[in-house]
Protein backbone atom coordinates (compact mmCIF):
# COMPACT_ATOMS: atom_id res chain seq x y z
CA MET A 1 -12.68 10.06 -13.72
CA ASN A 2 -12.00 7.61 -16.69
CA PRO A 3 -14.25 4.10 -16.92
CA ILE A 4 -11.24 1.84 -15.44
CA ALA A 5 -11.01 3.45 -12.14
CA ASP A 6 -14.49 4.04 -11.90
CA LYS A 7 -15.55 0.06 -12.79
CA ASN A 8 -12.74 -0.33 -10.02
CA ARG A 9 -14.59 2.02 -7.69
CA GLN A 10 -17.58 0.46 -7.93
CA SER A 11 -16.01 -2.98 -6.80
CA TRP A 12 -14.78 -1.31 -3.86
CA ASN A 13 -17.56 0.33 -2.78
CA GLY A 14 -19.36 -3.01 -2.98
CA GLY A 15 -17.48 -5.22 -1.21
CA ALA A 16 -16.66 -2.16 1.45
CA ALA A 17 -18.92 -3.42 3.84
CA ARG A 18 -17.10 -7.55 4.61
CA TYR A 19 -13.96 -5.36 5.01
CA ALA A 20 -14.31 -2.91 6.77
CA ALA A 21 -15.77 -5.42 9.03
CA GLU A 22 -12.69 -7.47 8.82
CA PHE A 23 -10.24 -4.19 9.07
CA HIS A 24 -11.87 -1.73 11.44
CA ASN A 25 -13.02 -4.08 14.06
CA ASP A 26 -11.83 -2.95 17.82
CA GLU A 27 -9.27 -5.34 18.69
CA LYS A 28 -7.22 -3.99 15.54
CA ILE A 29 -7.18 -0.87 15.59
CA ASN A 30 -6.37 -0.68 19.36
CA ILE A 31 -3.10 -3.34 18.66
CA ILE A 32 -2.25 -0.28 15.93
CA LEU A 33 -2.96 2.95 18.54
CA ASN A 34 -1.01 0.04 21.19
CA ASN A 35 2.01 0.58 18.77
CA PRO A 36 1.55 2.18 15.60
CA ALA A 37 5.04 0.90 14.01
CA SER A 38 2.65 -2.53 14.58
CA ALA A 39 1.03 -1.13 11.42
CA PHE A 40 4.24 -1.37 9.12
CA HIS A 41 6.58 -3.89 7.38
CA HIS A 42 9.28 -2.88 10.70
CA THR A 43 12.15 -2.05 6.98
CA THR A 44 9.28 0.71 5.91
CA TRP A 45 8.26 1.72 9.73
CA ALA A 46 13.14 2.19 9.76
CA LEU A 47 12.39 3.81 5.88
CA ILE A 48 9.90 6.65 7.95
CA ASN A 49 11.63 7.36 11.20
CA ALA A 50 15.11 7.97 9.26
CA ALA A 51 13.23 10.37 6.78
CA LEU A 52 10.84 12.00 9.22
CA PRO A 53 12.02 11.11 13.09
CA SER A 54 8.79 13.08 14.59
CA LEU A 55 6.01 12.66 12.70
CA LYS A 56 3.64 15.33 15.31
CA GLY A 57 2.51 18.73 13.88
CA LYS A 58 3.77 17.60 10.13
CA ARG A 59 1.32 18.15 7.27
CA VAL A 60 0.80 13.63 5.97
CA CYS A 61 -1.28 12.30 2.84
CA VAL A 62 -2.35 8.89 2.18
CA PRO A 63 -3.71 8.56 -1.15
CA SER A 64 -5.53 5.10 -1.89
CA SER A 65 -6.07 4.55 1.82
CA GLY A 66 -7.70 1.58 1.96
CA ASP A 67 -7.81 -0.31 5.54
CA ASN A 68 -6.82 3.00 6.65
CA HIS A 69 -4.45 0.96 8.96
CA ALA A 70 -1.24 3.34 8.15
CA VAL A 71 -3.62 6.27 8.76
CA PHE A 72 -4.46 5.58 11.85
CA ALA A 73 -0.97 5.19 12.67
CA PHE A 74 -0.07 8.90 11.81
CA ALA A 75 -2.60 9.95 13.25
CA ARG A 76 -1.48 8.27 16.90
CA LEU A 77 1.58 9.75 16.26
CA GLY A 78 -0.24 13.30 16.37
CA ALA A 79 0.77 13.90 12.50
CA ARG A 80 -2.87 16.22 10.71
CA VAL A 81 -3.53 13.26 8.06
CA THR A 82 -5.43 13.19 4.95
CA SER A 83 -7.29 9.85 3.96
CA CYS A 84 -7.61 9.70 0.03
CA ASP A 85 -9.85 7.09 -1.09
CA ILE A 86 -11.37 6.92 -4.82
CA SER A 87 -14.37 4.40 -3.24
CA GLU A 88 -16.61 6.78 -1.19
CA ASN A 89 -17.85 3.89 1.52
CA GLN A 90 -14.51 2.69 2.29
CA LEU A 91 -14.27 6.42 3.39
CA ALA A 92 -16.83 7.14 4.99
CA ASN A 93 -16.34 2.57 6.90
CA ALA A 94 -13.19 4.69 7.88
CA GLU A 95 -14.19 8.43 9.50
CA ILE A 96 -16.55 6.23 11.81
CA ALA A 97 -13.84 3.58 12.87
CA ALA A 98 -11.81 7.17 13.45
CA LYS A 99 -14.77 9.00 15.43
CA ARG A 100 -14.97 5.97 17.41
CA HIS A 101 -11.33 6.11 18.46
CA GLY A 102 -11.02 9.54 18.35
CA LEU A 103 -8.78 10.41 15.70
CA ASP A 104 -9.09 13.03 13.81
CA ILE A 105 -8.46 12.45 10.64
CA GLU A 106 -9.60 14.87 7.10
CA PHE A 107 -11.12 12.55 4.60
CA ILE A 108 -11.32 12.81 0.43
CA GLN A 109 -12.61 11.18 -2.02
CA ALA A 110 -10.09 11.31 -4.65
CA ASP A 111 -7.87 9.43 -7.39
CA THR A 112 -5.23 8.88 -7.03
CA MET A 113 -4.52 9.85 -10.71
CA THR A 114 -5.20 13.06 -10.32
CA LEU A 115 -5.76 13.67 -6.58
CA GLU A 116 -8.36 16.15 -8.01
CA SER A 117 -8.85 17.65 -4.62
CA VAL A 118 -5.91 17.36 -2.30
CA PRO A 119 -4.43 20.76 -2.02
CA SER A 120 -0.74 21.28 -3.46
CA ASP A 121 2.57 21.90 -1.87
CA THR A 122 0.21 20.90 0.99
CA TYR A 123 2.30 17.59 2.36
CA ASP A 124 5.91 16.92 5.04
CA PHE A 125 5.00 13.04 3.78
CA VAL A 126 3.17 11.32 1.07
CA TYR A 127 2.88 7.41 1.90
CA THR A 128 1.32 4.94 -0.27
CA SER A 129 1.30 0.56 1.26
CA ASN A 130 0.87 -2.46 -0.57
CA GLY A 131 -1.75 -3.01 -2.88
CA VAL A 132 -2.09 0.65 -4.22
CA HIS A 133 -0.10 0.33 -7.89
CA VAL A 134 -2.62 -2.85 -8.80
CA TRP A 135 -5.58 -0.82 -9.37
CA ILE A 136 -3.09 2.73 -11.61
CA ASN A 137 -3.81 2.31 -15.10
CA ASP A 138 -1.96 5.82 -15.03
CA LEU A 139 1.80 5.19 -13.88
CA PRO A 140 2.84 9.40 -14.86
CA GLY A 141 -0.40 10.19 -13.68
CA MET A 142 -0.12 9.42 -10.05
CA TYR A 143 4.00 10.36 -9.53
CA ARG A 144 2.47 14.09 -11.07
CA ALA A 145 -0.59 13.76 -8.61
CA VAL A 146 1.80 12.93 -5.77
CA HIS A 147 4.45 15.41 -6.70
CA ARG A 148 2.30 18.32 -7.04
CA ILE A 149 0.42 17.67 -3.27
CA MET A 150 4.10 17.53 -1.65
CA LYS A 151 5.95 21.00 -0.35
CA PRO A 152 9.13 21.11 -1.83
CA GLY A 153 11.72 19.40 0.37
CA ALA A 154 9.37 16.38 1.08
CA VAL A 155 9.20 12.77 1.53
CA TYR A 156 7.43 10.61 -0.44
CA ILE A 157 7.24 6.49 0.14
CA MET A 158 6.04 3.15 -1.12
CA TYR A 159 5.82 -0.08 0.12
CA GLU A 160 4.43 -2.35 -2.08
CA ILE A 161 3.94 -6.02 -3.13
CA HIS A 162 7.78 -6.13 -5.31
CA PRO A 163 6.68 -6.70 -8.74
CA PHE A 164 9.69 -10.53 -8.97
CA CYS A 165 6.35 -11.77 -7.90
CA ARG A 166 4.10 -11.41 -10.01
CA PRO A 167 4.73 -13.92 -13.12
CA PHE A 168 4.68 -16.77 -10.52
CA ASP A 169 1.75 -18.68 -9.25
CA GLY A 170 1.98 -18.50 -6.49
CA ASN A 171 0.44 -21.85 -5.68
CA ASN A 172 2.92 -24.92 -6.17
CA LEU A 173 5.69 -24.73 -3.34
CA GLU A 174 7.42 -27.34 -4.98
CA GLN A 175 7.96 -25.65 -8.06
CA LEU A 176 8.71 -22.41 -9.56
CA THR A 177 5.63 -21.96 -12.15
CA VAL A 178 6.08 -19.06 -14.33
CA ILE A 179 1.92 -17.65 -15.68
CA LYS A 180 3.15 -14.41 -17.48
CA PRO A 181 6.25 -12.74 -19.00
CA TYR A 182 7.34 -9.84 -16.68
CA SER A 183 6.67 -7.63 -19.40
CA SER A 184 3.39 -8.56 -19.26
CA THR A 185 1.90 -5.66 -17.13
CA GLY A 186 -1.94 -5.79 -18.68
CA PRO A 187 -4.57 -4.45 -18.36
CA PHE A 188 -6.45 -7.86 -16.43
CA GLU A 189 -10.36 -7.72 -17.17
CA SER A 190 -12.68 -9.87 -14.65
CA ASP A 191 -16.43 -8.63 -14.54
CA ILE A 192 -15.92 -6.45 -11.72
CA GLU A 193 -11.99 -5.23 -11.33
CA VAL A 194 -9.47 -3.67 -13.86
CA THR A 195 -5.88 -4.54 -13.11
CA PHE A 196 -2.11 -4.16 -13.73
CA GLY A 197 1.10 -5.91 -13.36
CA TRP A 198 3.69 -2.52 -13.24
CA ARG A 199 7.69 -3.46 -13.19
CA ILE A 200 9.98 -2.10 -11.25
CA GLN A 201 11.26 0.35 -13.90
CA ASP A 202 7.88 1.48 -14.72
CA ILE A 203 7.43 2.25 -11.58
CA VAL A 204 10.59 4.20 -10.84
CA ASN A 205 10.52 6.01 -14.39
CA ALA A 206 7.41 7.11 -12.81
CA MET A 207 8.50 8.31 -9.88
CA LEU A 208 11.81 10.52 -12.02
CA ASP A 209 9.49 11.72 -14.58
CA ALA A 210 7.33 13.60 -12.05
CA GLY A 211 10.37 15.66 -10.60
CA LEU A 212 10.96 13.13 -7.90
CA ILE A 213 14.34 12.41 -6.67
CA LEU A 214 14.37 8.17 -5.78
CA ARG A 215 17.16 8.08 -2.99
CA HIS A 216 16.50 4.73 -0.95
CA MET A 217 15.31 1.23 -1.97
CA GLU A 218 14.58 -1.49 -0.04
CA GLU A 219 13.57 -5.30 -0.97
CA MET A 220 12.12 -7.44 1.97
CA ASN A 221 10.43 -10.62 2.09
CA ALA A 222 7.69 -10.76 4.68
CA GLU A 223 8.69 -11.62 8.12
CA ILE A 224 7.24 -15.45 9.59
CA ASN A 225 4.95 -13.46 13.23
CA TYR A 226 3.03 -16.22 13.93
CA GLU A 227 0.38 -14.28 16.06
CA ASP A 228 -0.41 -12.06 13.21
CA PRO A 229 -1.07 -13.98 9.80
CA ASP A 230 -0.82 -10.43 7.38
CA TRP A 231 2.66 -11.32 7.54
CA ILE A 232 2.36 -14.90 5.77
CA PRO A 233 3.59 -14.11 2.15
CA LEU A 234 1.99 -12.73 0.80
CA MET A 235 1.40 -14.39 -3.11
CA GLN A 236 0.13 -17.37 -0.98
CA LYS A 237 -2.70 -14.84 0.67
CA LEU A 238 -3.84 -14.19 -3.07
CA ALA A 239 -3.95 -17.22 -4.30
CA GLU A 240 -5.25 -18.70 -0.74
CA PRO A 241 -7.25 -15.25 0.73
CA GLU A 242 -9.70 -17.89 2.67
CA HIS A 243 -7.00 -20.03 4.38
CA THR A 244 -5.97 -20.89 7.75
CA TYR A 245 -1.69 -21.72 7.82
CA SER A 246 -0.43 -22.77 10.81
CA LYS A 247 2.83 -22.37 11.63
CA ALA A 248 4.50 -25.93 10.07
CA GLU A 249 2.98 -24.48 7.18
CA VAL A 250 4.48 -21.09 7.42
CA GLU A 251 7.79 -22.12 8.00
CA ARG A 252 7.76 -24.35 4.92
CA MET A 253 7.16 -21.20 3.09
CA TYR A 254 9.95 -19.45 3.78
CA ASP A 255 12.49 -21.89 3.66
CA TRP A 256 13.47 -21.55 -0.18
CA HIS A 257 15.02 -24.89 0.41
CA VAL A 258 10.97 -26.34 -0.19
CA ASN A 259 9.50 -23.14 -1.57
CA PRO A 260 11.57 -21.03 -4.75
CA MET A 261 9.55 -18.53 -3.72
CA ALA A 262 10.83 -17.60 -0.42
CA ALA A 263 14.29 -17.32 -2.21
CA LEU A 264 13.37 -13.80 -3.82
CA PRO A 265 12.12 -10.73 -2.27
CA ASP A 266 8.41 -10.32 -2.00
CA LEU A 267 7.43 -6.74 -0.72
CA LEU A 268 9.16 -4.04 -2.05
CA SER A 269 10.16 0.00 -0.34
CA MET A 270 11.47 3.54 -1.41
CA THR A 271 11.82 6.84 -0.50
CA ALA A 272 12.47 9.74 -2.70
CA GLU A 273 11.87 13.44 -2.50
CA LYS A 274 10.37 16.31 -4.55
CA LEU A 275 13.94 18.91 -4.52
CA LEU A 276 13.42 22.40 -2.76
CA LEU A 277 13.35 25.43 -4.45
């Protein structure tokens, strides 16, 4: 494991208990089990359904599985799911939650840039959710690993924070303030972690160079859903993670006449395939 990945692993291990308390409580997991689509943006969910109308019996891998909400949803839909993450503590907590709810899921500790413990040519579907790419210091390695574990003809779908958001300061709703060039991709290092701000071209080129064929791309905005604060604009959530937003504040954030950031897409989904032999 490279030093950057190991530093991030230790950071995620340190916060795993707090993370589990927020994302693995029974209330949140029961919402997903009762409505698996709720674990996804509706546009990403449509891409998944278009590519795999039924997940029953399909082999599915979720690298950098994080909160494991997608993992729980896929398992509920009858898929044979493998959850991979660099943090052993994150995986242990997710496994506890899965067993508590009767979900049969395989958990493997693995660095997404190599997926060294994950078998080749095995999966019908590989999915990565938002917040994965920011931790990846070797994008070509990540996509070579994703390509390797996919069966010929298998599908990869990603859902991510849109790179266009990253140059801007999410604290000021009145004015677009640039805090870094779009071309500045990192590394950005703090005392506890190292992150990256990859561009669309970095992600797409890594996919294509690995042998994946890009089939479709969607640029989306977060949706107003007053029952689910996870859909508040992501850059604003990152800027003020502890703040509870009122209905008026949310509507103000979504009005591009007031908040110029609302005129830009803040989410991105892509579908790619591994060519049949």
